[in-house]
Amino acid sequence: MKNIMEIDGHKAVITFDPDLGMFRGEFLGLSGSADFYAADVEGLLREGRTSVKVYLQACEERGVSPYKRFSGRFNVRIPPDLHADIVSAAEASGMSLNQWVEKALSECAHD
């Protein structure tokens, strides 16, 4: 089970803070930090809406982009035998290594 909640189009990961006895939400993909706490789902939704609204307003006032920028490129270090295995799997599927990895990552990220 993924502990991700979507609030007004923004995804937040939800964890439980045993020290406070409350749930903590932290928005993903932002250039800064915006978190919120609540004891239940209704509270998370309410506090999350407030948190992201305040964050977006602060970014606008400061003239900064509220979202992380992604280039679409990243390097991954894997064992050579795994590298060989995925190249073989890609070739067997009639795909380039990049296409095969993109498909695998997309399937994992969206399941």
PDB file of N, CA and C in Angstrom:
ATOM      1  N   MET A   1       0.840  -1.184   0.000  1.00  0.00           N
ATOM      2  CA  MET A   1       0.000   0.000   0.000  1.00  0.00           C
ATOM      3  C   MET A   1       0.879   1.240   0.000  1.00  0.00           C
ATOM      4  N   LYS A   2       0.610   2.138  -0.904  1.00  0.00           N
ATOM      5  CA  LYS A   2       1.330   3.396  -0.950  1.00  0.00           C
ATOM      6  C   LYS A   2       0.632   4.377  -0.026  1.00  0.00           C
ATOM      7  N   ASN A   3       1.402   5.076   0.756  1.00  0.00           N
ATOM      8  CA  ASN A   3       0.847   6.073   1.662  1.00  0.00           C
ATOM      9  C   ASN A   3       0.926   7.446   1.023  1.00  0.00           C
ATOM     10  N   ILE A   4       0.270   7.569  -0.127  1.00  0.00           N
ATOM     11  CA  ILE A   4       0.269   8.833  -0.856  1.00  0.00           C
ATOM     12  C   ILE A   4      -1.156   9.341  -0.949  1.00  0.00           C
ATOM     13  N   MET A   5      -1.319  10.597  -0.605  1.00  0.00           N
ATOM     14  CA  MET A   5      -2.626  11.250  -0.653  1.00  0.00           C
ATOM     15  C   MET A   5      -2.527  12.394  -1.650  1.00  0.00           C
ATOM     16  N   GLU A   6      -3.538  12.549  -2.480  1.00  0.00           N
ATOM     17  CA  GLU A   6      -3.558  13.668  -3.403  1.00  0.00           C
ATOM     18  C   GLU A   6      -4.501  14.735  -2.865  1.00  0.00           C
ATOM     19  N   ILE A   7      -3.974  15.944  -2.745  1.00  0.00           N
ATOM     20  CA  ILE A   7      -4.738  17.067  -2.208  1.00  0.00           C
ATOM     21  C   ILE A   7      -4.653  18.205  -3.208  1.00  0.00           C
ATOM     22  N   ASP A   8      -5.775  18.562  -3.764  1.00  0.00           N
ATOM     23  CA  ASP A   8      -5.847  19.648  -4.753  1.00  0.00           C
ATOM     24  C   ASP A   8      -4.805  19.489  -5.862  1.00  0.00           C
ATOM     25  N   GLY A   9      -4.631  18.248  -6.340  1.00  0.00           N
ATOM     26  CA  GLY A   9      -3.712  17.978  -7.434  1.00  0.00           C
ATOM     27  C   GLY A   9      -2.258  17.827  -7.032  1.00  0.00           C
ATOM     28  N   HIS A  10      -1.970  17.888  -5.746  1.00  0.00           N
ATOM     29  CA  HIS A  10      -0.594  17.767  -5.248  1.00  0.00           C
ATOM     30  C   HIS A  10      -0.488  16.475  -4.439  1.00  0.00           C
ATOM     31  N   LYS A  11       0.557  15.684  -4.711  1.00  0.00           N
ATOM     32  CA  LYS A  11       0.751  14.430  -3.993  1.00  0.00           C
ATOM     33  C   LYS A  11       1.551  14.668  -2.716  1.00  0.00           C
ATOM     34  N   ALA A  12       1.127  13.977  -1.661  1.00  0.00           N
ATOM     35  CA  ALA A  12       1.831  14.055  -0.377  1.00  0.00           C
ATOM     36  C   ALA A  12       2.003  12.649   0.158  1.00  0.00           C
ATOM     37  N   VAL A  13       3.168  12.368   0.718  1.00  0.00           N
ATOM     38  CA  VAL A  13       3.403  11.084   1.369  1.00  0.00           C
ATOM     39  C   VAL A  13       2.959  11.240   2.823  1.00  0.00           C
ATOM     40  N   ILE A  14       2.256  10.227   3.311  1.00  0.00           N
ATOM     41  CA  ILE A  14       1.714  10.258   4.662  1.00  0.00           C
ATOM     42  C   ILE A  14       2.432   9.219   5.514  1.00  0.00           C
ATOM     43  N   THR A  15       2.906   9.645   6.675  1.00  0.00           N
ATOM     44  CA  THR A  15       3.541   8.745   7.645  1.00  0.00           C
ATOM     45  C   THR A  15       2.907   8.987   9.002  1.00  0.00           C
ATOM     46  N   PHE A  16       3.172   8.092   9.927  1.00  0.00           N
ATOM     47  CA  PHE A  16       2.673   8.259  11.292  1.00  0.00           C
ATOM     48  C   PHE A  16       3.835   8.643  12.192  1.00  0.00           C
ATOM     49  N   ASP A  17       3.665   9.694  12.968  1.00  0.00           N
ATOM     50  CA  ASP A  17       4.682  10.148  13.918  1.00  0.00           C
ATOM     51  C   ASP A  17       4.273   9.658  15.298  1.00  0.00           C
ATOM     52  N   PRO A  18       4.913   8.585  15.790  1.00  0.00           N
ATOM     53  CA  PRO A  18       4.517   8.019  17.084  1.00  0.00           C
ATOM     54  C   PRO A  18       4.798   8.953  18.265  1.00  0.00           C
ATOM     55  N   ASP A  19       5.782   9.828  18.126  1.00  0.00           N
ATOM     56  CA  ASP A  19       6.079  10.768  19.212  1.00  0.00           C
ATOM     57  C   ASP A  19       4.937  11.750  19.424  1.00  0.00           C
ATOM     58  N   LEU A  20       4.307  12.157  18.347  1.00  0.00           N
ATOM     59  CA  LEU A  20       3.186  13.101  18.430  1.00  0.00           C
ATOM     60  C   LEU A  20       1.833  12.399  18.445  1.00  0.00           C
ATOM     61  N   GLY A  21       1.814  11.142  18.020  1.00  0.00           N
ATOM     62  CA  GLY A  21       0.555  10.421  17.918  1.00  0.00           C
ATOM     63  C   GLY A  21      -0.328  10.982  16.817  1.00  0.00           C
ATOM     64  N   MET A  22       0.312  11.495  15.756  1.00  0.00           N
ATOM     65  CA  MET A  22      -0.423  12.103  14.653  1.00  0.00           C
ATOM     66  C   MET A  22       0.160  11.645  13.320  1.00  0.00           C
ATOM     67  N   PHE A  23      -0.630  11.829  12.272  1.00  0.00           N
ATOM     68  CA  PHE A  23      -0.158  11.572  10.926  1.00  0.00           C
ATOM     69  C   PHE A  23       0.526  12.825  10.402  1.00  0.00           C
ATOM     70  N   ARG A  24       1.585  12.606   9.621  1.00  0.00           N
ATOM     71  CA  ARG A  24       2.327  13.719   9.022  1.00  0.00           C
ATOM     72  C   ARG A  24       2.266  13.566   7.514  1.00  0.00           C
ATOM     73  N   GLY A  25       1.975  14.649   6.846  1.00  0.00           N
ATOM     74  CA  GLY A  25       1.984  14.670   5.395  1.00  0.00           C
ATOM     75  C   GLY A  25       3.090  15.584   4.913  1.00  0.00           C
ATOM     76  N   GLU A  26       3.746  15.186   3.840  1.00  0.00           N
ATOM     77  CA  GLU A  26       4.781  16.022   3.232  1.00  0.00           C
ATOM     78  C   GLU A  26       4.582  15.991   1.723  1.00  0.00           C
ATOM     79  N   PHE A  27       4.401  17.169   1.129  1.00  0.00           N
ATOM     80  CA  PHE A  27       4.167  17.250  -0.304  1.00  0.00           C
ATOM     81  C   PHE A  27       5.412  16.882  -1.085  1.00  0.00           C
ATOM     82  N   LEU A  28       5.195  16.216  -2.210  1.00  0.00           N
ATOM     83  CA  LEU A  28       6.272  15.741  -3.079  1.00  0.00           C
ATOM     84  C   LEU A  28       6.429  16.662  -4.277  1.00  0.00           C
ATOM     85  N   GLY A  29       7.648  16.745  -4.799  1.00  0.00           N
ATOM     86  CA  GLY A  29       7.901  17.471  -6.039  1.00  0.00           C
ATOM     87  C   GLY A  29       7.989  18.974  -5.903  1.00  0.00           C
ATOM     88  N   LEU A  30       8.043  19.467  -4.675  1.00  0.00           N
ATOM     89  CA  LEU A  30       8.146  20.903  -4.459  1.00  0.00           C
ATOM     90  C   LEU A  30       9.613  21.312  -4.350  1.00  0.00           C
ATOM     91  N   SER A  31       9.896  22.547  -4.670  1.00  0.00           N
ATOM     92  CA  SER A  31      11.270  23.041  -4.577  1.00  0.00           C
ATOM     93  C   SER A  31      11.656  23.355  -3.133  1.00  0.00           C
ATOM     94  N   GLY A  32      10.683  23.381  -2.252  1.00  0.00           N
ATOM     95  CA  GLY A  32      10.911  23.599  -0.825  1.00  0.00           C
ATOM     96  C   GLY A  32      10.099  22.582  -0.048  1.00  0.00           C
ATOM     97  N   SER A  33       9.901  22.864   1.213  1.00  0.00           N
ATOM     98  CA  SER A  33       9.198  21.916   2.068  1.00  0.00           C
ATOM     99  C   SER A  33       7.835  22.458   2.478  1.00  0.00           C
ATOM    100  N   ALA A  34       6.844  21.600   2.409  1.00  0.00           N
ATOM    101  CA  ALA A  34       5.501  21.930   2.883  1.00  0.00           C
ATOM    102  C   ALA A  34       4.946  20.675   3.538  1.00  0.00           C
ATOM    103  N   ASP A  35       4.832  20.701   4.855  1.00  0.00           N
ATOM    104  CA  ASP A  35       4.296  19.542   5.552  1.00  0.00           C
ATOM    105  C   ASP A  35       3.121  19.953   6.426  1.00  0.00           C
ATOM    106  N   PHE A  36       2.438  18.947   6.961  1.00  0.00           N
ATOM    107  CA  PHE A  36       1.241  19.188   7.755  1.00  0.00           C
ATOM    108  C   PHE A  36       0.974  17.976   8.639  1.00  0.00           C
ATOM    109  N   TYR A  37       0.254  18.190   9.728  1.00  0.00           N
ATOM    110  CA  TYR A  37      -0.055  17.146  10.706  1.00  0.00           C
ATOM    111  C   TYR A  37      -1.540  17.120  11.000  1.00  0.00           C
ATOM    112  N   ALA A  38      -2.068  15.921  11.282  1.00  0.00           N
ATOM    113  CA  ALA A  38      -3.459  15.780  11.692  1.00  0.00           C
ATOM    114  C   ALA A  38      -3.661  14.395  12.308  1.00  0.00           C
ATOM    115  N   ALA A  39      -4.759  14.261  13.032  1.00  0.00           N
ATOM    116  CA  ALA A  39      -5.064  13.001  13.700  1.00  0.00           C
ATOM    117  C   ALA A  39      -5.886  12.049  12.838  1.00  0.00           C
ATOM    118  N   ASP A  40      -6.493  12.563  11.752  1.00  0.00           N
ATOM    119  CA  ASP A  40      -7.349  11.717  10.922  1.00  0.00           C
ATOM    120  C   ASP A  40      -7.330  12.195   9.472  1.00  0.00           C
ATOM    121  N   VAL A  41      -8.008  11.453   8.603  1.00  0.00           N
ATOM    122  CA  VAL A  41      -7.997  11.747   7.172  1.00  0.00           C
ATOM    123  C   VAL A  41      -8.611  13.119   6.888  1.00  0.00           C
ATOM    124  N   GLU A  42      -9.739  13.426   7.507  1.00  0.00           N
ATOM    125  CA  GLU A  42     -10.358  14.741   7.283  1.00  0.00           C
ATOM    126  C   GLU A  42      -9.406  15.862   7.671  1.00  0.00           C
ATOM    127  N   GLY A  43      -8.722  15.687   8.788  1.00  0.00           N
ATOM    128  CA  GLY A  43      -7.753  16.685   9.237  1.00  0.00           C
ATOM    129  C   GLY A  43      -6.584  16.805   8.278  1.00  0.00           C
ATOM    130  N   LEU A  44      -6.117  15.660   7.750  1.00  0.00           N
ATOM    131  CA  LEU A  44      -5.024  15.693   6.779  1.00  0.00           C
ATOM    132  C   LEU A  44      -5.425  16.485   5.540  1.00  0.00           C
ATOM    133  N   LEU A  45      -6.625  16.253   5.058  1.00  0.00           N
ATOM    134  CA  LEU A  45      -7.104  16.987   3.883  1.00  0.00           C
ATOM    135  C   LEU A  45      -7.188  18.484   4.173  1.00  0.00           C
ATOM    136  N   ARG A  46      -7.754  18.833   5.302  1.00  0.00           N
ATOM    137  CA  ARG A  46      -7.900  20.242   5.674  1.00  0.00           C
ATOM    138  C   ARG A  46      -6.539  20.910   5.855  1.00  0.00           C
ATOM    139  N   GLU A  47      -5.677  20.297   6.643  1.00  0.00           N
ATOM    140  CA  GLU A  47      -4.360  20.871   6.922  1.00  0.00           C
ATOM    141  C   GLU A  47      -3.475  20.869   5.682  1.00  0.00           C
ATOM    142  N   GLY A  48      -3.615  19.838   4.846  1.00  0.00           N
ATOM    143  CA  GLY A  48      -2.848  19.778   3.604  1.00  0.00           C
ATOM    144  C   GLY A  48      -3.218  20.910   2.662  1.00  0.00           C
ATOM    145  N   ARG A  49      -4.518  21.171   2.540  1.00  0.00           N
ATOM    146  CA  ARG A  49      -4.971  22.282   1.680  1.00  0.00           C
ATOM    147  C   ARG A  49      -4.393  23.607   2.168  1.00  0.00           C
ATOM    148  N   THR A  50      -4.420  23.797   3.466  1.00  0.00           N
ATOM    149  CA  THR A  50      -3.886  25.036   4.039  1.00  0.00           C
ATOM    150  C   THR A  50      -2.388  25.130   3.800  1.00  0.00           C
ATOM    151  N   SER A  51      -1.675  24.032   4.045  1.00  0.00           N
ATOM    152  CA  SER A  51      -0.221  24.018   3.910  1.00  0.00           C
ATOM    153  C   SER A  51       0.219  24.325   2.481  1.00  0.00           C
ATOM    154  N   VAL A  52      -0.378  23.665   1.500  1.00  0.00           N
ATOM    155  CA  VAL A  52       0.038  23.884   0.111  1.00  0.00           C
ATOM    156  C   VAL A  52      -0.361  25.285  -0.350  1.00  0.00           C
ATOM    157  N   LYS A  53      -1.490  25.784   0.118  1.00  0.00           N
ATOM    158  CA  LYS A  53      -1.910  27.146  -0.247  1.00  0.00           C
ATOM    159  C   LYS A  53      -0.911  28.179   0.281  1.00  0.00           C
ATOM    160  N   VAL A  54      -0.515  28.043   1.540  1.00  0.00           N
ATOM    161  CA  VAL A  54       0.457  28.965   2.134  1.00  0.00           C
ATOM    162  C   VAL A  54       1.794  28.867   1.414  1.00  0.00           C
ATOM    163  N   TYR A  55       2.229  27.640   1.107  1.00  0.00           N
ATOM    164  CA  TYR A  55       3.495  27.432   0.410  1.00  0.00           C
ATOM    165  C   TYR A  55       3.481  28.102  -0.958  1.00  0.00           C
ATOM    166  N   LEU A  56       2.418  27.875  -1.740  1.00  0.00           N
ATOM    167  CA  LEU A  56       2.328  28.461  -3.079  1.00  0.00           C
ATOM    168  C   LEU A  56       2.278  29.985  -3.018  1.00  0.00           C
ATOM    169  N   GLN A  57       1.575  30.528  -2.034  1.00  0.00           N
ATOM    170  CA  GLN A  57       1.521  31.988  -1.873  1.00  0.00           C
ATOM    171  C   GLN A  57       2.904  32.546  -1.533  1.00  0.00           C
ATOM    172  N   ALA A  58       3.631  31.866  -0.650  1.00  0.00           N
ATOM    173  CA  ALA A  58       4.969  32.318  -0.271  1.00  0.00           C
ATOM    174  C   ALA A  58       5.907  32.287  -1.475  1.00  0.00           C
ATOM    175  N   CYS A  59       5.809  31.257  -2.292  1.00  0.00           N
ATOM    176  CA  CYS A  59       6.647  31.169  -3.495  1.00  0.00           C
ATOM    177  C   CYS A  59       6.330  32.308  -4.449  1.00  0.00           C
ATOM    178  N   GLU A  60       5.049  32.607  -4.613  1.00  0.00           N
ATOM    179  CA  GLU A  60       4.642  33.695  -5.506  1.00  0.00           C
ATOM    180  C   GLU A  60       5.182  35.029  -4.988  1.00  0.00           C
ATOM    181  N   GLU A  61       5.074  35.256  -3.692  1.00  0.00           N
ATOM    182  CA  GLU A  61       5.568  36.513  -3.094  1.00  0.00           C
ATOM    183  C   GLU A  61       7.075  36.660  -3.263  1.00  0.00           C
ATOM    184  N   ARG A  62       7.803  35.559  -3.192  1.00  0.00           N
ATOM    185  CA  ARG A  62       9.265  35.584  -3.310  1.00  0.00           C
ATOM    186  C   ARG A  62       9.729  35.512  -4.753  1.00  0.00           C
ATOM    187  N   GLY A  63       8.822  35.211  -5.655  1.00  0.00           N
ATOM    188  CA  GLY A  63       9.180  35.098  -7.068  1.00  0.00           C
ATOM    189  C   GLY A  63       9.992  33.866  -7.394  1.00  0.00           C
ATOM    190  N   VAL A  64       9.746  32.768  -6.665  1.00  0.00           N
ATOM    191  CA  VAL A  64      10.466  31.517  -6.920  1.00  0.00           C
ATOM    192  C   VAL A  64       9.497  30.452  -7.424  1.00  0.00           C
ATOM    193  N   SER A  65      10.036  29.526  -8.190  1.00  0.00           N
ATOM    194  CA  SER A  65       9.223  28.427  -8.697  1.00  0.00           C
ATOM    195  C   SER A  65       8.897  27.471  -7.548  1.00  0.00           C
ATOM    196  N   PRO A  66       7.641  27.105  -7.369  1.00  0.00           N
ATOM    197  CA  PRO A  66       7.284  26.209  -6.278  1.00  0.00           C
ATOM    198  C   PRO A  66       7.619  24.741  -6.544  1.00  0.00           C
ATOM    199  N   TYR A  67       7.936  24.399  -7.782  1.00  0.00           N
ATOM    200  CA  TYR A  67       8.142  22.999  -8.137  1.00  0.00           C
ATOM    201  C   TYR A  67       9.586  22.707  -8.530  1.00  0.00           C
ATOM    202  N   LYS A  68      10.040  21.505  -8.202  1.00  0.00           N
ATOM    203  CA  LYS A  68      11.349  21.045  -8.652  1.00  0.00           C
ATOM    204  C   LYS A  68      11.301  20.914 -10.172  1.00  0.00           C
ATOM    205  N   ARG A  69      12.418  21.166 -10.781  1.00  0.00           N
ATOM    206  CA  ARG A  69      12.528  20.987 -12.232  1.00  0.00           C
ATOM    207  C   ARG A  69      13.308  19.691 -12.479  1.00  0.00           C
ATOM    208  N   PHE A  70      12.839  18.929 -13.457  1.00  0.00           N
ATOM    209  CA  PHE A  70      13.472  17.660 -13.783  1.00  0.00           C
ATOM    210  C   PHE A  70      13.923  17.677 -15.240  1.00  0.00           C
ATOM    211  N   SER A  71      15.143  17.209 -15.488  1.00  0.00           N
ATOM    212  CA  SER A  71      15.697  17.213 -16.838  1.00  0.00           C
ATOM    213  C   SER A  71      15.248  16.004 -17.653  1.00  0.00           C
ATOM    214  N   GLY A  72      14.816  14.946 -16.960  1.00  0.00           N
ATOM    215  CA  GLY A  72      14.471  13.718 -17.668  1.00  0.00           C
ATOM    216  C   GLY A  72      15.669  12.796 -17.826  1.00  0.00           C
ATOM    217  N   ARG A  73      16.788  13.180 -17.220  1.00  0.00           N
ATOM    218  CA  ARG A  73      18.005  12.359 -17.294  1.00  0.00           C
ATOM    219  C   ARG A  73      18.508  12.085 -15.879  1.00  0.00           C
ATOM    220  N   PHE A  74      18.977  10.851 -15.656  1.00  0.00           N
ATOM    221  CA  PHE A  74      19.633  10.509 -14.402  1.00  0.00           C
ATOM    222  C   PHE A  74      20.520   9.295 -14.622  1.00  0.00           C
ATOM    223  N   ASN A  75      21.537   9.165 -13.820  1.00  0.00           N
ATOM    224  CA  ASN A  75      22.468   8.042 -13.919  1.00  0.00           C
ATOM    225  C   ASN A  75      22.140   7.021 -12.838  1.00  0.00           C
ATOM    226  N   VAL A  76      22.247   5.773 -13.200  1.00  0.00           N
ATOM    227  CA  VAL A  76      21.992   4.687 -12.254  1.00  0.00           C
ATOM    228  C   VAL A  76      23.188   3.747 -12.281  1.00  0.00           C
ATOM    229  N   ARG A  77      23.676   3.383 -11.121  1.00  0.00           N
ATOM    230  CA  ARG A  77      24.779   2.430 -11.026  1.00  0.00           C
ATOM    231  C   ARG A  77      24.210   1.080 -10.597  1.00  0.00           C
ATOM    232  N   ILE A  78      24.458   0.073 -11.413  1.00  0.00           N
ATOM    233  CA  ILE A  78      23.962  -1.273 -11.138  1.00  0.00           C
ATOM    234  C   ILE A  78      25.085  -2.273 -11.364  1.00  0.00           C
ATOM    235  N   PRO A  79      24.952  -3.466 -10.811  1.00  0.00           N
ATOM    236  CA  PRO A  79      25.978  -4.489 -11.039  1.00  0.00           C
ATOM    237  C   PRO A  79      26.052  -4.854 -12.526  1.00  0.00           C
ATOM    238  N   PRO A  80      27.254  -5.144 -13.027  1.00  0.00           N
ATOM    239  CA  PRO A  80      27.428  -5.482 -14.444  1.00  0.00           C
ATOM    240  C   PRO A  80      26.544  -6.638 -14.920  1.00  0.00           C
ATOM    241  N   ASP A  81      26.338  -7.655 -14.076  1.00  0.00           N
ATOM    242  CA  ASP A  81      25.510  -8.785 -14.506  1.00  0.00           C
ATOM    243  C   ASP A  81      24.039  -8.365 -14.668  1.00  0.00           C
ATOM    244  N   LEU A  82      23.553  -7.466 -13.836  1.00  0.00           N
ATOM    245  CA  LEU A  82      22.200  -6.948 -14.002  1.00  0.00           C
ATOM    246  C   LEU A  82      22.110  -6.107 -15.268  1.00  0.00           C
ATOM    247  N   HIS A  83      23.133  -5.318 -15.540  1.00  0.00           N
ATOM    248  CA  HIS A  83      23.188  -4.510 -16.765  1.00  0.00           C
ATOM    249  C   HIS A  83      23.053  -5.426 -17.985  1.00  0.00           C
ATOM    250  N   ALA A  84      23.817  -6.513 -17.985  1.00  0.00           N
ATOM    251  CA  ALA A  84      23.759  -7.463 -19.109  1.00  0.00           C
ATOM    252  C   ALA A  84      22.368  -8.080 -19.225  1.00  0.00           C
ATOM    253  N   ASP A  85      21.771  -8.422 -18.096  1.00  0.00           N
ATOM    254  CA  ASP A  85      20.438  -9.039 -18.106  1.00  0.00           C
ATOM    255  C   ASP A  85      19.380  -8.095 -18.671  1.00  0.00           C
ATOM    256  N   ILE A  86      19.439  -6.806 -18.301  1.00  0.00           N
ATOM    257  CA  ILE A  86      18.401  -5.898 -18.792  1.00  0.00           C
ATOM    258  C   ILE A  86      18.621  -5.541 -20.261  1.00  0.00           C
ATOM    259  N   VAL A  87      19.864  -5.509 -20.696  1.00  0.00           N
ATOM    260  CA  VAL A  87      20.118  -5.298 -22.133  1.00  0.00           C
ATOM    261  C   VAL A  87      19.534  -6.469 -22.922  1.00  0.00           C
ATOM    262  N   SER A  88      19.736  -7.679 -22.423  1.00  0.00           N
ATOM    263  CA  SER A  88      19.164  -8.862 -23.090  1.00  0.00           C
ATOM    264  C   SER A  88      17.638  -8.802 -23.098  1.00  0.00           C
ATOM    265  N   ALA A  89      17.043  -8.423 -21.979  1.00  0.00           N
ATOM    266  CA  ALA A  89      15.582  -8.324 -21.893  1.00  0.00           C
ATOM    267  C   ALA A  89      15.055  -7.265 -22.848  1.00  0.00           C
ATOM    268  N   ALA A  90      15.758  -6.143 -22.944  1.00  0.00           N
ATOM    269  CA  ALA A  90      15.342  -5.073 -23.855  1.00  0.00           C
ATOM    270  C   ALA A  90      15.413  -5.552 -25.305  1.00  0.00           C
ATOM    271  N   GLU A  91      16.527  -6.167 -25.666  1.00  0.00           N
ATOM    272  CA  GLU A  91      16.692  -6.659 -27.037  1.00  0.00           C
ATOM    273  C   GLU A  91      15.634  -7.706 -27.368  1.00  0.00           C
ATOM    274  N   ALA A  92      15.353  -8.588 -26.420  1.00  0.00           N
ATOM    275  CA  ALA A  92      14.348  -9.628 -26.646  1.00  0.00           C
ATOM    276  C   ALA A  92      12.957  -9.031 -26.817  1.00  0.00           C
ATOM    277  N   SER A  93      12.731  -7.874 -26.241  1.00  0.00           N
ATOM    278  CA  SER A  93      11.435  -7.185 -26.354  1.00  0.00           C
ATOM    279  C   SER A  93      11.372  -6.263 -27.562  1.00  0.00           C
ATOM    280  N   GLY A  94      12.480  -6.169 -28.296  1.00  0.00           N
ATOM    281  CA  GLY A  94      12.522  -5.296 -29.461  1.00  0.00           C
ATOM    282  C   GLY A  94      12.592  -3.820 -29.094  1.00  0.00           C
ATOM    283  N   MET A  95      13.176  -3.533 -27.940  1.00  0.00           N
ATOM    284  CA  MET A  95      13.278  -2.154 -27.462  1.00  0.00           C
ATOM    285  C   MET A  95      14.727  -1.781 -27.230  1.00  0.00           C
ATOM    286  N   SER A  96      14.962  -0.476 -27.234  1.00  0.00           N
ATOM    287  CA  SER A  96      16.273   0.002 -26.809  1.00  0.00           C
ATOM    288  C   SER A  96      16.334  -0.130 -25.285  1.00  0.00           C
ATOM    289  N   LEU A  97      17.520  -0.061 -24.737  1.00  0.00           N
ATOM    290  CA  LEU A  97      17.677  -0.114 -23.281  1.00  0.00           C
ATOM    291  C   LEU A  97      16.891   1.024 -22.635  1.00  0.00           C
ATOM    292  N   ASN A  98      16.975   2.206 -23.203  1.00  0.00           N
ATOM    293  CA  ASN A  98      16.261   3.357 -22.646  1.00  0.00           C
ATOM    294  C   ASN A  98      14.748   3.129 -22.648  1.00  0.00           C
ATOM    295  N   GLN A  99      14.204   2.615 -23.760  1.00  0.00           N
ATOM    296  CA  GLN A  99      12.767   2.343 -23.847  1.00  0.00           C
ATOM    297  C   GLN A  99      12.338   1.307 -22.814  1.00  0.00           C
ATOM    298  N   TRP A 100      13.152   0.264 -22.656  1.00  0.00           N
ATOM    299  CA  TRP A 100      12.826  -0.813 -21.724  1.00  0.00           C
ATOM    300  C   TRP A 100      12.837  -0.295 -20.290  1.00  0.00           C
ATOM    301  N   VAL A 101      13.860   0.472 -19.936  1.00  0.00           N
ATOM    302  CA  VAL A 101      13.957   1.020 -18.583  1.00  0.00           C
ATOM    303  C   VAL A 101      12.811   1.996 -18.324  1.00  0.00           C
ATOM    304  N   GLU A 102      12.508   2.842 -19.307  1.00  0.00           N
ATOM    305  CA  GLU A 102      11.398   3.793 -19.151  1.00  0.00           C
ATOM    306  C   GLU A 102      10.088   3.052 -18.886  1.00  0.00           C
ATOM    307  N   LYS A 103       9.840   1.985 -19.645  1.00  0.00           N
ATOM    308  CA  LYS A 103       8.610   1.200 -19.466  1.00  0.00           C
ATOM    309  C   LYS A 103       8.582   0.561 -18.079  1.00  0.00           C
ATOM    310  N   ALA A 104       9.695  -0.039 -17.665  1.00  0.00           N
ATOM    311  CA  ALA A 104       9.751  -0.698 -16.354  1.00  0.00           C
ATOM    312  C   ALA A 104       9.542   0.308 -15.221  1.00  0.00           C
ATOM    313  N   LEU A 105      10.181   1.452 -15.326  1.00  0.00           N
ATOM    314  CA  LEU A 105      10.031   2.469 -14.285  1.00  0.00           C
ATOM    315  C   LEU A 105       8.605   3.016 -14.240  1.00  0.00           C
ATOM    316  N   SER A 106       8.024   3.226 -15.400  1.00  0.00           N
ATOM    317  CA  SER A 106       6.655   3.724 -15.467  1.00  0.00           C
ATOM    318  C   SER A 106       5.689   2.731 -14.826  1.00  0.00           C
ATOM    319  N   GLU A 107       5.865   1.464 -15.127  1.00  0.00           N
ATOM    320  CA  GLU A 107       4.994   0.434 -14.529  1.00  0.00           C
ATOM    321  C   GLU A 107       5.147   0.396 -13.010  1.00  0.00           C
ATOM    322  N   CYS A 108       6.363   0.508 -12.522  1.00  0.00           N
ATOM    323  CA  CYS A 108       6.593   0.489 -11.079  1.00  0.00           C
ATOM    324  C   CYS A 108       6.050   1.736 -10.388  1.00  0.00           C
ATOM    325  N   ALA A 109       6.210   2.870 -11.033  1.00  0.00           N
ATOM    326  CA  ALA A 109       5.780   4.132 -10.434  1.00  0.00           C
ATOM    327  C   ALA A 109       4.266   4.286 -10.411  1.00  0.00           C
ATOM    328  N   HIS A 110       3.574   3.603 -11.299  1.00  0.00           N
ATOM    329  CA  HIS A 110       2.136   3.790 -11.408  1.00  0.00           C
ATOM    330  C   HIS A 110       1.317   2.594 -10.952  1.00  0.00           C
ATOM    331  N   ASP A 111       1.939   1.612 -10.321  1.00  0.00           N
ATOM    332  CA  ASP A 111       1.138   0.456  -9.868  1.00  0.00           C
ATOM    333  C   ASP A 111       0.495   0.715  -8.535  1.00  0.00           C
TER     334      ASP A 111
END
